């Protein structure tokens, strides 16, 4: 058995997710990779926008919540 086909104890379902992504793309690995790159770019863009929306006071620990 090659090292690429040995099960990894710390897989955490990653292989199943890979197989699912390929299956959703109709078995087209390039299509699966392309879809994952597009999704990753979208999430990076969304993350950037959310970071801009958070106030600087909150990120610096100056934000006080109302208690009581």
C-alpha atoms as a PDB file:
ATOM      1  CA  UNK A   1       0.000   0.000   0.000  1.00  0.00           C
ATOM      2  CA  UNK A   2       1.492   3.383  -0.969  1.00  0.00           C
ATOM      3  CA  UNK A   3       1.713   6.250   1.494  1.00  0.00           C
ATOM      4  CA  UNK A   4      -0.907   8.137  -0.548  1.00  0.00           C
ATOM      5  CA  UNK A   5      -3.483   5.393  -0.031  1.00  0.00           C
ATOM      6  CA  UNK A   6      -2.845   4.724   3.674  1.00  0.00           C
ATOM      7  CA  UNK A   7      -5.630   5.969   5.912  1.00  0.00           C
ATOM      8  CA  UNK A   8      -4.637   8.942   8.030  1.00  0.00           C
ATOM      9  CA  UNK A   9      -5.758   8.833  11.665  1.00  0.00           C
ATOM     10  CA  UNK A  10      -6.186  12.624  11.679  1.00  0.00           C
ATOM     11  CA  UNK A  11      -8.238  12.639   8.482  1.00  0.00           C
ATOM     12  CA  UNK A  12     -11.380  14.021  10.203  1.00  0.00           C
ATOM     13  CA  UNK A  13     -13.478  13.169   7.158  1.00  0.00           C
ATOM     14  CA  UNK A  14     -11.269  15.058   4.738  1.00  0.00           C
ATOM     15  CA  UNK A  15     -11.107  12.144   2.294  1.00  0.00           C
ATOM     16  CA  UNK A  16     -14.887  11.863   2.349  1.00  0.00           C
ATOM     17  CA  UNK A  17     -15.183  15.591   1.631  1.00  0.00           C
ATOM     18  CA  UNK A  18     -12.736  15.253  -1.273  1.00  0.00           C
ATOM     19  CA  UNK A  19     -14.709  12.351  -2.718  1.00  0.00           C
ATOM     20  CA  UNK A  20     -17.936  14.311  -2.320  1.00  0.00           C
ATOM     21  CA  UNK A  21     -16.483  17.364  -4.106  1.00  0.00           C
ATOM     22  CA  UNK A  22     -15.342  15.177  -6.994  1.00  0.00           C
ATOM     23  CA  UNK A  23     -18.700  13.384  -7.133  1.00  0.00           C
ATOM     24  CA  UNK A  24     -20.603  16.684  -7.211  1.00  0.00           C
ATOM     25  CA  UNK A  25     -18.442  17.701 -10.175  1.00  0.00           C
ATOM     26  CA  UNK A  26     -19.415  14.529 -12.016  1.00  0.00           C
ATOM     27  CA  UNK A  27     -16.031  12.921 -11.430  1.00  0.00           C
ATOM     28  CA  UNK A  28     -14.172  15.834 -13.019  1.00  0.00           C
ATOM     29  CA  UNK A  29     -11.246  16.566 -10.688  1.00  0.00           C
ATOM     30  CA  UNK A  30     -10.354  19.803 -12.483  1.00  0.00           C
ATOM     31  CA  UNK A  31     -13.960  20.926 -12.121  1.00  0.00           C
ATOM     32  CA  UNK A  32     -13.914  20.078  -8.421  1.00  0.00           C
ATOM     33  CA  UNK A  33     -10.687  22.022  -7.894  1.00  0.00           C
ATOM     34  CA  UNK A  34     -12.050  24.964  -9.873  1.00  0.00           C
ATOM     35  CA  UNK A  35     -15.241  25.008  -7.770  1.00  0.00           C
ATOM     36  CA  UNK A  36     -13.247  24.853  -4.537  1.00  0.00           C
ATOM     37  CA  UNK A  37     -10.999  27.728  -5.642  1.00  0.00           C
ATOM     38  CA  UNK A  38     -14.046  29.839  -6.516  1.00  0.00           C
ATOM     39  CA  UNK A  39     -15.626  29.035  -3.142  1.00  0.00           C
ATOM     40  CA  UNK A  40     -12.378  29.841  -1.326  1.00  0.00           C
ATOM     41  CA  UNK A  41     -12.058  33.181  -3.133  1.00  0.00           C
ATOM     42  CA  UNK A  42     -15.640  34.035  -2.197  1.00  0.00           C
ATOM     43  CA  UNK A  43     -15.016  33.206   1.466  1.00  0.00           C
ATOM     44  CA  UNK A  44     -11.776  35.212   1.519  1.00  0.00           C
ATOM     45  CA  UNK A  45     -13.600  38.194   0.046  1.00  0.00           C
ATOM     46  CA  UNK A  46     -16.438  37.847   2.540  1.00  0.00           C
ATOM     47  CA  UNK A  47     -13.944  37.550   5.412  1.00  0.00           C
ATOM     48  CA  UNK A  48     -12.187  40.717   4.247  1.00  0.00           C
ATOM     49  CA  UNK A  49     -15.469  42.629   4.122  1.00  0.00           C
ATOM     50  CA  UNK A  50     -16.428  41.439   7.607  1.00  0.00           C
ATOM     51  CA  UNK A  51     -13.054  42.504   8.986  1.00  0.00           C
ATOM     52  CA  UNK A  52     -13.626  45.988   7.562  1.00  0.00           C
ATOM     53  CA  UNK A  53     -17.046  46.142   9.206  1.00  0.00           C
ATOM     54  CA  UNK A  54     -15.754  45.417  12.707  1.00  0.00           C
ATOM     55  CA  UNK A  55     -14.995  48.585  14.618  1.00  0.00           C
ATOM     56  CA  UNK A  56     -11.393  49.342  15.485  1.00  0.00           C
ATOM     57  CA  UNK A  57     -12.336  49.865  19.146  1.00  0.00           C
ATOM     58  CA  UNK A  58     -13.763  46.375  19.343  1.00  0.00           C
ATOM     59  CA  UNK A  59     -10.718  44.748  17.795  1.00  0.00           C
ATOM     60  CA  UNK A  60      -8.403  46.626  20.175  1.00  0.00           C
ATOM     61  CA  UNK A  61     -10.312  45.427  23.241  1.00  0.00           C
ATOM     62  CA  UNK A  62     -11.885  48.781  24.080  1.00  0.00           C
ATOM     63  CA  UNK A  63     -15.399  47.565  23.459  1.00  0.00           C
ATOM     64  CA  UNK A  64     -17.444  47.347  26.664  1.00  0.00           C
ATOM     65  CA  UNK A  65     -20.616  45.315  26.732  1.00  0.00           C
ATOM     66  CA  UNK A  66     -23.590  46.384  28.785  1.00  0.00           C
ATOM     67  CA  UNK A  67     -23.944  44.154  31.850  1.00  0.00           C
ATOM     68  CA  UNK A  68     -27.036  44.679  33.891  1.00  0.00           C
END
